[in-house]
């Protein structure tokens, strides 16, 4: 097969379009999860909790489910339209879009959001903002996770049925007190 400029343009267009659809589908998944979590009181089902329903039917880690729901709720809280989200996701990709929503404390225009978060570094060593904050994503075996949870709880993390809260501040306290 002869490599032509037209063929290369076709490849770029096709792959880019597929990636954009995949990234936007993640936002739809986030919205569906948030809706499912809140549409009924899970206590009155055979599952007795949202967490037990997720374990039975959603093949994602509970932290991933919580993050998706957080993203959907943040999009809703800031009042972003589907078109605005699609514009930001297509410009930044899912990871930078997600990290931008986690980092932001107010609604920005799509152009402002893209400008602010296009420089997020998403390397394997963690995710860094231009201000130097880094985000880490990792999993631990259950035994070590239980130990880690108890340590973070001592530093202010709170575990609820829907997830963990104050994890960042607990980690900062742990690092400042034990690892400095």
N, C-alpha and C. Protein backbone atom coordinates (compact mmCIF):
# COMPACT_ATOMS: atom_id res chain seq x y z
N UNK A 1 0.84 -1.18 0.00
CA UNK A 1 0.00 0.00 0.00
C UNK A 1 0.89 1.24 0.00
N UNK A 2 0.59 2.14 -0.90
CA UNK A 2 1.36 3.37 -1.01
C UNK A 2 0.87 4.37 0.03
N UNK A 3 1.85 4.94 0.74
CA UNK A 3 1.52 5.95 1.76
C UNK A 3 1.38 7.29 1.06
N UNK A 4 0.20 7.85 1.14
CA UNK A 4 -0.04 9.14 0.52
C UNK A 4 -0.48 10.13 1.58
N UNK A 5 -0.42 11.40 1.24
CA UNK A 5 -0.87 12.44 2.15
C UNK A 5 -2.36 12.26 2.45
N UNK A 6 -3.13 11.87 1.44
CA UNK A 6 -4.57 11.66 1.62
C UNK A 6 -4.83 10.51 2.59
N UNK A 7 -4.06 9.43 2.49
CA UNK A 7 -4.21 8.29 3.39
C UNK A 7 -3.87 8.70 4.83
N UNK A 8 -2.77 9.42 5.00
CA UNK A 8 -2.38 9.87 6.34
C UNK A 8 -3.44 10.80 6.95
N UNK A 9 -3.98 11.71 6.15
CA UNK A 9 -5.03 12.60 6.64
C UNK A 9 -6.27 11.80 7.04
N UNK A 10 -6.58 10.77 6.26
CA UNK A 10 -7.72 9.91 6.57
C UNK A 10 -7.51 9.17 7.89
N UNK A 11 -6.29 8.65 8.09
CA UNK A 11 -5.96 7.95 9.34
C UNK A 11 -6.10 8.90 10.53
N UNK A 12 -5.53 10.08 10.42
CA UNK A 12 -5.58 11.06 11.51
C UNK A 12 -7.03 11.43 11.82
N UNK A 13 -7.80 11.68 10.80
CA UNK A 13 -9.20 12.06 10.99
C UNK A 13 -10.00 10.95 11.66
N UNK A 14 -9.82 9.74 11.17
CA UNK A 14 -10.60 8.61 11.69
C UNK A 14 -10.24 8.31 13.15
N UNK A 15 -8.95 8.26 13.45
CA UNK A 15 -8.51 7.95 14.81
C UNK A 15 -8.89 9.07 15.78
N UNK A 16 -8.69 10.31 15.38
CA UNK A 16 -9.05 11.44 16.23
C UNK A 16 -10.55 11.44 16.54
N UNK A 17 -11.35 11.18 15.54
CA UNK A 17 -12.80 11.12 15.73
C UNK A 17 -13.18 10.01 16.71
N UNK A 18 -12.55 8.86 16.59
CA UNK A 18 -12.83 7.74 17.50
C UNK A 18 -12.42 8.07 18.93
N UNK A 19 -11.26 8.67 19.10
CA UNK A 19 -10.81 9.06 20.44
C UNK A 19 -11.76 10.08 21.05
N UNK A 20 -12.16 11.07 20.27
CA UNK A 20 -13.09 12.09 20.78
C UNK A 20 -14.42 11.47 21.21
N UNK A 21 -14.93 10.54 20.41
CA UNK A 21 -16.19 9.87 20.79
C UNK A 21 -16.01 9.06 22.07
N UNK A 22 -14.87 8.39 22.20
CA UNK A 22 -14.60 7.59 23.39
C UNK A 22 -14.52 8.49 24.62
N UNK A 23 -13.80 9.61 24.50
CA UNK A 23 -13.67 10.53 25.63
C UNK A 23 -15.02 11.12 26.02
N UNK A 24 -15.83 11.50 25.05
CA UNK A 24 -17.14 12.05 25.37
C UNK A 24 -18.03 10.99 26.00
N UNK A 25 -17.87 9.73 25.59
CA UNK A 25 -18.64 8.62 26.19
C UNK A 25 -18.34 8.49 27.68
N UNK A 26 -17.12 8.83 28.09
CA UNK A 26 -16.78 8.79 29.51
C UNK A 26 -17.61 9.80 30.29
N UNK A 27 -17.85 10.95 29.70
CA UNK A 27 -18.70 11.94 30.38
C UNK A 27 -20.12 11.42 30.47
N UNK A 28 -20.59 10.76 29.43
CA UNK A 28 -21.94 10.20 29.48
C UNK A 28 -22.02 9.11 30.55
N UNK A 29 -21.00 8.29 30.67
CA UNK A 29 -20.95 7.29 31.73
C UNK A 29 -20.99 7.96 33.09
N UNK A 30 -20.25 9.04 33.26
CA UNK A 30 -20.25 9.77 34.52
C UNK A 30 -21.65 10.26 34.87
N UNK A 31 -22.33 10.81 33.88
CA UNK A 31 -23.70 11.30 34.11
C UNK A 31 -24.65 10.16 34.44
N UNK A 32 -24.51 9.03 33.74
CA UNK A 32 -25.37 7.88 34.00
C UNK A 32 -25.14 7.32 35.41
N UNK A 33 -23.89 7.26 35.84
CA UNK A 33 -23.60 6.78 37.19
C UNK A 33 -24.18 7.72 38.25
N UNK A 34 -24.02 9.03 38.05
CA UNK A 34 -24.56 9.99 39.01
C UNK A 34 -26.08 9.87 39.08
N UNK A 35 -26.71 9.72 37.93
CA UNK A 35 -28.16 9.57 37.89
C UNK A 35 -28.58 8.30 38.64
N UNK A 36 -27.92 7.18 38.33
CA UNK A 36 -28.27 5.90 38.94
C UNK A 36 -28.09 5.94 40.46
N UNK A 37 -27.03 6.59 40.90
CA UNK A 37 -26.79 6.67 42.34
C UNK A 37 -27.90 7.43 43.06
N UNK A 38 -28.43 8.44 42.42
CA UNK A 38 -29.36 9.34 43.10
C UNK A 38 -30.83 9.14 42.77
N UNK A 39 -31.16 8.30 41.80
CA UNK A 39 -32.54 8.19 41.36
C UNK A 39 -33.41 7.41 42.35
N UNK A 40 -32.81 6.53 43.12
CA UNK A 40 -33.58 5.78 44.11
C UNK A 40 -32.80 5.70 45.42
N UNK A 41 -33.47 5.30 46.46
CA UNK A 41 -32.81 5.01 47.73
C UNK A 41 -32.39 3.55 47.67
N UNK A 42 -31.11 3.29 47.55
CA UNK A 42 -30.59 1.94 47.35
C UNK A 42 -30.83 1.04 48.55
N UNK A 43 -31.08 1.61 49.71
CA UNK A 43 -31.37 0.81 50.90
C UNK A 43 -32.62 -0.05 50.70
N UNK A 44 -33.56 0.45 49.94
CA UNK A 44 -34.83 -0.26 49.74
C UNK A 44 -34.81 -1.25 48.58
N UNK A 45 -33.62 -1.54 48.06
CA UNK A 45 -33.48 -2.55 47.02
C UNK A 45 -32.88 -3.81 47.64
N UNK A 46 -32.80 -4.87 46.86
CA UNK A 46 -32.16 -6.10 47.33
C UNK A 46 -30.67 -5.88 47.62
N UNK A 47 -30.07 -4.84 47.04
CA UNK A 47 -28.65 -4.58 47.22
C UNK A 47 -28.36 -3.91 48.56
N UNK A 48 -29.30 -3.16 49.07
CA UNK A 48 -29.21 -2.45 50.35
C UNK A 48 -28.25 -1.26 50.34
N UNK A 49 -27.45 -1.08 49.28
CA UNK A 49 -26.58 0.09 49.18
C UNK A 49 -26.11 0.27 47.74
N UNK A 50 -25.74 1.49 47.43
CA UNK A 50 -25.18 1.82 46.13
C UNK A 50 -23.89 1.03 45.91
N UNK A 51 -23.06 0.94 46.94
CA UNK A 51 -21.79 0.23 46.83
C UNK A 51 -22.00 -1.23 46.46
N UNK A 52 -22.96 -1.88 47.09
CA UNK A 52 -23.21 -3.29 46.79
C UNK A 52 -23.76 -3.45 45.37
N UNK A 53 -24.57 -2.52 44.92
CA UNK A 53 -25.05 -2.55 43.54
C UNK A 53 -23.86 -2.44 42.58
N UNK A 54 -22.97 -1.50 42.86
CA UNK A 54 -21.80 -1.31 42.00
C UNK A 54 -20.93 -2.56 41.94
N UNK A 55 -20.70 -3.17 43.09
CA UNK A 55 -19.89 -4.39 43.11
C UNK A 55 -20.51 -5.48 42.24
N UNK A 56 -21.84 -5.54 42.22
CA UNK A 56 -22.54 -6.59 41.47
C UNK A 56 -22.61 -6.31 39.98
N UNK A 57 -22.65 -5.02 39.58
CA UNK A 57 -22.98 -4.74 38.19
C UNK A 57 -22.02 -3.80 37.44
N UNK A 58 -21.15 -3.13 38.12
CA UNK A 58 -20.30 -2.16 37.44
C UNK A 58 -18.84 -2.60 37.57
N UNK A 59 -18.23 -3.01 36.47
CA UNK A 59 -16.87 -3.55 36.52
C UNK A 59 -15.79 -2.46 36.56
N UNK A 60 -15.96 -1.53 37.49
CA UNK A 60 -14.98 -0.47 37.68
C UNK A 60 -14.62 -0.41 39.16
N UNK A 61 -13.44 0.07 39.47
CA UNK A 61 -13.04 0.26 40.86
C UNK A 61 -13.95 1.30 41.51
N UNK A 62 -14.20 1.14 42.79
CA UNK A 62 -15.08 2.09 43.48
C UNK A 62 -14.52 3.51 43.42
N UNK A 63 -13.20 3.65 43.44
CA UNK A 63 -12.61 4.99 43.33
C UNK A 63 -12.88 5.59 41.95
N UNK A 64 -12.89 4.76 40.91
CA UNK A 64 -13.19 5.24 39.56
C UNK A 64 -14.65 5.67 39.47
N UNK A 65 -15.54 4.88 40.04
CA UNK A 65 -16.95 5.23 40.04
C UNK A 65 -17.16 6.55 40.77
N UNK A 66 -16.53 6.70 41.93
CA UNK A 66 -16.66 7.95 42.70
C UNK A 66 -16.14 9.15 41.91
N UNK A 67 -15.02 8.95 41.20
CA UNK A 67 -14.47 10.05 40.41
C UNK A 67 -15.42 10.43 39.28
N UNK A 68 -15.98 9.44 38.59
CA UNK A 68 -16.93 9.73 37.51
C UNK A 68 -18.13 10.51 38.06
N UNK A 69 -18.64 10.10 39.18
CA UNK A 69 -19.79 10.79 39.78
C UNK A 69 -19.41 12.20 40.18
N UNK A 70 -18.22 12.38 40.73
CA UNK A 70 -17.75 13.72 41.09
C UNK A 70 -17.69 14.61 39.85
N UNK A 71 -17.18 14.07 38.76
CA UNK A 71 -17.08 14.84 37.51
C UNK A 71 -18.48 15.24 37.03
N UNK A 72 -19.40 14.29 37.01
CA UNK A 72 -20.78 14.60 36.57
C UNK A 72 -21.41 15.66 37.46
N UNK A 73 -21.22 15.53 38.76
CA UNK A 73 -21.80 16.52 39.69
C UNK A 73 -21.16 17.89 39.52
N UNK A 74 -19.87 17.93 39.24
CA UNK A 74 -19.18 19.21 39.03
C UNK A 74 -19.66 19.87 37.74
N UNK A 75 -19.80 19.08 36.68
CA UNK A 75 -20.33 19.60 35.41
C UNK A 75 -21.72 20.20 35.66
N UNK A 76 -22.54 19.48 36.40
CA UNK A 76 -23.90 19.95 36.72
C UNK A 76 -23.88 21.20 37.59
N UNK A 77 -23.04 21.19 38.62
CA UNK A 77 -22.95 22.34 39.54
C UNK A 77 -22.53 23.62 38.81
N UNK A 78 -21.58 23.50 37.87
CA UNK A 78 -21.12 24.67 37.13
C UNK A 78 -22.03 25.01 35.95
N UNK A 79 -22.95 24.12 35.63
CA UNK A 79 -23.89 24.39 34.56
C UNK A 79 -23.30 24.30 33.16
N UNK A 80 -22.27 23.47 32.99
CA UNK A 80 -21.71 23.30 31.65
C UNK A 80 -22.72 22.56 30.78
N UNK A 81 -22.88 22.99 29.55
CA UNK A 81 -23.75 22.30 28.59
C UNK A 81 -22.98 21.14 27.98
N UNK A 82 -23.71 20.25 27.33
CA UNK A 82 -23.06 19.13 26.63
C UNK A 82 -22.10 19.66 25.57
N UNK A 83 -22.51 20.70 24.86
CA UNK A 83 -21.65 21.27 23.81
C UNK A 83 -20.37 21.84 24.40
N UNK A 84 -20.46 22.52 25.55
CA UNK A 84 -19.26 23.08 26.19
C UNK A 84 -18.33 21.95 26.65
N UNK A 85 -18.90 20.92 27.24
CA UNK A 85 -18.09 19.78 27.68
C UNK A 85 -17.40 19.11 26.50
N UNK A 86 -18.15 18.91 25.44
CA UNK A 86 -17.58 18.27 24.26
C UNK A 86 -16.43 19.10 23.70
N UNK A 87 -16.60 20.41 23.67
CA UNK A 87 -15.53 21.29 23.18
C UNK A 87 -14.27 21.16 24.05
N UNK A 88 -14.46 21.15 25.36
CA UNK A 88 -13.32 21.05 26.27
C UNK A 88 -12.67 19.68 26.20
N UNK A 89 -13.48 18.62 26.15
CA UNK A 89 -12.94 17.26 26.07
C UNK A 89 -12.19 17.06 24.76
N UNK A 90 -12.74 17.54 23.65
CA UNK A 90 -12.07 17.39 22.36
C UNK A 90 -10.75 18.15 22.32
N UNK A 91 -10.68 19.29 23.00
CA UNK A 91 -9.46 20.09 23.00
C UNK A 91 -8.41 19.55 23.97
N UNK A 92 -8.86 19.00 25.10
CA UNK A 92 -7.93 18.61 26.16
C UNK A 92 -7.74 17.11 26.33
N UNK A 93 -8.74 16.33 25.92
CA UNK A 93 -8.75 14.91 26.25
C UNK A 93 -9.44 14.72 27.59
N UNK A 94 -9.80 13.49 27.89
CA UNK A 94 -10.55 13.19 29.11
C UNK A 94 -9.74 13.49 30.37
N UNK A 95 -8.47 13.11 30.40
CA UNK A 95 -7.68 13.25 31.62
C UNK A 95 -7.53 14.71 32.02
N UNK A 96 -7.15 15.57 31.09
CA UNK A 96 -7.00 16.99 31.44
C UNK A 96 -8.36 17.63 31.76
N UNK A 97 -9.41 17.23 31.07
CA UNK A 97 -10.75 17.72 31.37
C UNK A 97 -11.12 17.36 32.81
N UNK A 98 -10.93 16.09 33.16
CA UNK A 98 -11.25 15.60 34.50
C UNK A 98 -10.42 16.33 35.55
N UNK A 99 -9.12 16.44 35.33
CA UNK A 99 -8.25 17.10 36.31
C UNK A 99 -8.58 18.59 36.42
N UNK A 100 -8.96 19.20 35.31
CA UNK A 100 -9.36 20.60 35.35
C UNK A 100 -10.59 20.80 36.20
N UNK A 101 -11.57 19.90 36.07
CA UNK A 101 -12.78 20.02 36.89
C UNK A 101 -12.46 19.81 38.36
N UNK A 102 -11.56 18.89 38.66
CA UNK A 102 -11.17 18.65 40.05
C UNK A 102 -10.45 19.88 40.60
N UNK A 103 -9.62 20.50 39.79
CA UNK A 103 -8.82 21.64 40.22
C UNK A 103 -9.62 22.94 40.32
N UNK A 104 -10.62 23.10 39.47
CA UNK A 104 -11.31 24.39 39.39
C UNK A 104 -12.24 24.61 40.58
N UNK A 105 -12.45 25.88 40.87
CA UNK A 105 -13.36 26.24 41.96
C UNK A 105 -14.50 27.13 41.47
N UNK A 106 -14.61 27.24 40.14
CA UNK A 106 -15.69 28.03 39.54
C UNK A 106 -15.80 27.67 38.07
N UNK A 107 -16.92 28.07 37.48
CA UNK A 107 -17.11 27.82 36.06
C UNK A 107 -16.26 28.79 35.25
N UNK A 108 -15.58 28.25 34.26
CA UNK A 108 -14.83 29.04 33.30
C UNK A 108 -15.49 28.88 31.94
N UNK A 109 -15.27 29.81 31.06
CA UNK A 109 -15.74 29.61 29.69
C UNK A 109 -14.94 28.44 29.12
N UNK A 110 -15.47 27.76 28.12
CA UNK A 110 -14.69 26.67 27.53
C UNK A 110 -13.30 27.12 27.07
N UNK A 111 -13.21 28.29 26.44
CA UNK A 111 -11.89 28.79 25.99
C UNK A 111 -10.97 29.05 27.17
N UNK A 112 -11.51 29.63 28.24
CA UNK A 112 -10.71 29.88 29.45
C UNK A 112 -10.28 28.58 30.10
N UNK A 113 -11.17 27.61 30.15
CA UNK A 113 -10.87 26.30 30.73
C UNK A 113 -9.76 25.62 29.94
N UNK A 114 -9.90 25.62 28.63
CA UNK A 114 -8.89 25.00 27.75
C UNK A 114 -7.55 25.68 27.93
N UNK A 115 -7.54 27.00 27.95
CA UNK A 115 -6.28 27.74 28.11
C UNK A 115 -5.62 27.42 29.44
N UNK A 116 -6.43 27.37 30.51
CA UNK A 116 -5.88 27.13 31.84
C UNK A 116 -5.34 25.71 32.00
N UNK A 117 -6.05 24.71 31.44
CA UNK A 117 -5.69 23.33 31.73
C UNK A 117 -4.97 22.59 30.61
N UNK A 118 -4.68 23.25 29.51
CA UNK A 118 -3.97 22.56 28.43
C UNK A 118 -2.52 22.25 28.80
N UNK A 119 -2.01 22.88 29.85
CA UNK A 119 -0.62 22.67 30.25
C UNK A 119 -0.45 21.67 31.39
N UNK A 120 -1.55 21.04 31.82
CA UNK A 120 -1.42 20.01 32.85
C UNK A 120 -0.52 18.92 32.31
N UNK A 121 0.45 18.51 33.11
CA UNK A 121 1.34 17.41 32.73
C UNK A 121 0.71 16.12 33.24
N UNK A 122 0.51 15.17 32.35
CA UNK A 122 -0.12 13.90 32.75
C UNK A 122 0.83 12.74 32.49
N UNK A 123 2.01 12.82 33.06
CA UNK A 123 3.00 11.76 32.86
C UNK A 123 2.78 10.65 33.86
N UNK A 124 3.48 9.55 33.66
CA UNK A 124 3.31 8.36 34.51
C UNK A 124 3.70 8.61 35.96
N UNK A 125 4.54 9.61 36.21
CA UNK A 125 5.00 9.86 37.58
C UNK A 125 4.01 10.66 38.39
N UNK A 126 2.82 10.83 37.92
CA UNK A 126 1.84 11.64 38.61
C UNK A 126 1.40 12.73 37.68
N UNK A 127 0.44 13.49 38.07
CA UNK A 127 -0.08 14.55 37.24
C UNK A 127 0.24 15.87 37.91
N UNK A 128 0.85 16.78 37.18
CA UNK A 128 1.26 18.04 37.78
C UNK A 128 0.56 19.21 37.12
N UNK A 129 0.17 20.19 37.93
CA UNK A 129 -0.36 21.42 37.38
C UNK A 129 0.81 22.35 37.15
N UNK A 130 0.56 23.45 36.46
CA UNK A 130 1.66 24.39 36.25
C UNK A 130 2.08 25.04 37.56
N UNK A 131 1.22 24.94 38.61
CA UNK A 131 1.56 25.46 39.92
C UNK A 131 2.40 24.47 40.72
N UNK A 132 2.58 23.26 40.22
CA UNK A 132 3.42 22.28 40.87
C UNK A 132 2.69 21.21 41.64
N UNK A 133 1.37 21.33 41.83
CA UNK A 133 0.63 20.25 42.51
C UNK A 133 0.69 19.01 41.64
N UNK A 134 0.78 17.84 42.26
CA UNK A 134 0.78 16.58 41.53
C UNK A 134 -0.34 15.69 42.04
N UNK A 135 -0.98 14.99 41.12
CA UNK A 135 -2.02 14.03 41.48
C UNK A 135 -1.49 12.63 41.21
N UNK A 136 -1.74 11.71 42.12
CA UNK A 136 -1.29 10.33 41.97
C UNK A 136 -2.50 9.41 41.92
N UNK A 137 -2.45 8.44 41.05
CA UNK A 137 -3.49 7.43 40.98
C UNK A 137 -2.82 6.08 41.11
N UNK A 138 -3.19 5.34 42.15
CA UNK A 138 -2.63 4.01 42.32
C UNK A 138 -3.60 3.17 43.13
N UNK A 139 -3.39 1.87 43.08
CA UNK A 139 -4.21 0.96 43.87
C UNK A 139 -3.30 0.16 44.78
N UNK A 140 -3.87 -0.34 45.87
CA UNK A 140 -3.13 -1.16 46.82
C UNK A 140 -3.89 -2.46 47.05
N UNK A 141 -3.16 -3.52 47.39
CA UNK A 141 -3.86 -4.74 47.79
C UNK A 141 -4.70 -4.44 49.04
N UNK A 142 -5.76 -5.20 49.24
CA UNK A 142 -6.71 -4.94 50.31
C UNK A 142 -6.03 -4.81 51.67
N UNK A 143 -5.12 -5.71 51.99
CA UNK A 143 -4.46 -5.69 53.30
C UNK A 143 -3.74 -4.35 53.53
N UNK A 144 -2.96 -3.91 52.55
CA UNK A 144 -2.24 -2.65 52.69
C UNK A 144 -3.20 -1.46 52.62
N UNK A 145 -4.25 -1.56 51.81
CA UNK A 145 -5.23 -0.47 51.72
C UNK A 145 -5.95 -0.27 53.05
N UNK A 146 -6.26 -1.36 53.75
CA UNK A 146 -6.91 -1.23 55.06
C UNK A 146 -5.99 -0.51 56.05
N UNK A 147 -4.71 -0.84 56.00
CA UNK A 147 -3.74 -0.16 56.87
C UNK A 147 -3.65 1.32 56.50
N UNK A 148 -3.53 1.57 55.20
CA UNK A 148 -3.41 2.95 54.71
C UNK A 148 -4.65 3.76 55.07
N UNK A 149 -5.84 3.16 54.91
CA UNK A 149 -7.08 3.85 55.27
C UNK A 149 -7.08 4.23 56.75
N UNK A 150 -6.63 3.33 57.60
CA UNK A 150 -6.64 3.64 59.03
C UNK A 150 -5.66 4.77 59.36
N UNK A 151 -4.53 4.81 58.67
CA UNK A 151 -3.57 5.89 58.88
C UNK A 151 -4.17 7.22 58.41
N UNK A 152 -4.74 7.22 57.19
CA UNK A 152 -5.32 8.46 56.68
C UNK A 152 -6.50 8.92 57.52
N UNK A 153 -7.26 7.97 58.09
CA UNK A 153 -8.37 8.33 58.97
C UNK A 153 -7.84 9.07 60.19
N UNK A 154 -6.71 8.63 60.70
CA UNK A 154 -6.10 9.31 61.85
C UNK A 154 -5.69 10.75 61.52
N UNK A 155 -5.47 11.01 60.23
CA UNK A 155 -5.08 12.34 59.79
C UNK A 155 -6.25 13.15 59.21
N UNK A 156 -7.48 12.64 59.36
CA UNK A 156 -8.64 13.44 58.98
C UNK A 156 -9.47 12.93 57.82
N UNK A 157 -9.07 11.83 57.18
CA UNK A 157 -9.89 11.30 56.10
C UNK A 157 -11.16 10.70 56.70
N UNK A 158 -12.27 10.87 55.99
CA UNK A 158 -13.55 10.33 56.43
C UNK A 158 -14.05 9.39 55.35
N UNK A 159 -14.43 8.17 55.74
CA UNK A 159 -14.98 7.20 54.81
C UNK A 159 -16.49 7.12 55.00
N UNK A 160 -17.22 7.29 53.91
CA UNK A 160 -18.67 7.20 53.95
C UNK A 160 -19.11 6.12 52.97
N UNK A 161 -20.39 5.86 52.91
CA UNK A 161 -20.93 4.86 51.99
C UNK A 161 -20.62 5.23 50.54
N UNK A 162 -20.55 6.54 50.26
CA UNK A 162 -20.35 6.97 48.88
C UNK A 162 -18.88 7.20 48.52
N UNK A 163 -17.98 7.09 49.48
CA UNK A 163 -16.56 7.27 49.15
C UNK A 163 -15.77 7.86 50.29
N UNK A 164 -14.59 8.38 49.97
CA UNK A 164 -13.70 8.97 50.96
C UNK A 164 -13.67 10.48 50.77
N UNK A 165 -13.60 11.19 51.89
CA UNK A 165 -13.54 12.65 51.86
C UNK A 165 -12.30 13.10 52.64
N UNK A 166 -11.78 14.27 52.30
CA UNK A 166 -10.62 14.86 52.96
C UNK A 166 -9.33 14.05 52.75
N UNK A 167 -9.26 13.30 51.66
CA UNK A 167 -8.08 12.47 51.41
C UNK A 167 -6.85 13.35 51.17
N UNK A 168 -7.01 14.40 50.39
CA UNK A 168 -5.88 15.28 50.07
C UNK A 168 -5.30 15.90 51.33
N UNK A 169 -6.16 16.49 52.15
CA UNK A 169 -5.66 17.15 53.36
C UNK A 169 -5.04 16.13 54.32
N UNK A 170 -5.61 14.92 54.40
CA UNK A 170 -5.02 13.88 55.24
C UNK A 170 -3.64 13.47 54.73
N UNK A 171 -3.50 13.35 53.41
CA UNK A 171 -2.19 13.01 52.83
C UNK A 171 -1.16 14.10 53.10
N UNK A 172 -1.58 15.35 52.97
CA UNK A 172 -0.66 16.46 53.24
C UNK A 172 -0.19 16.41 54.69
N UNK A 173 -1.12 16.19 55.63
CA UNK A 173 -0.74 16.10 57.05
C UNK A 173 0.20 14.94 57.28
N UNK A 174 -0.10 13.79 56.68
CA UNK A 174 0.76 12.61 56.84
C UNK A 174 2.18 12.89 56.35
N UNK A 175 2.28 13.44 55.16
CA UNK A 175 3.60 13.73 54.58
C UNK A 175 4.34 14.76 55.44
N UNK A 176 3.64 15.81 55.85
CA UNK A 176 4.28 16.86 56.65
C UNK A 176 4.76 16.35 58.01
N UNK A 177 3.99 15.47 58.63
CA UNK A 177 4.34 15.00 59.97
C UNK A 177 5.28 13.81 59.99
N UNK A 178 5.20 12.95 58.99
CA UNK A 178 5.96 11.70 59.03
C UNK A 178 7.11 11.61 58.03
N UNK A 179 7.00 12.33 56.93
CA UNK A 179 7.99 12.13 55.87
C UNK A 179 8.89 13.31 55.62
N UNK A 180 8.71 14.39 56.33
CA UNK A 180 9.57 15.56 56.12
C UNK A 180 10.90 15.38 56.78
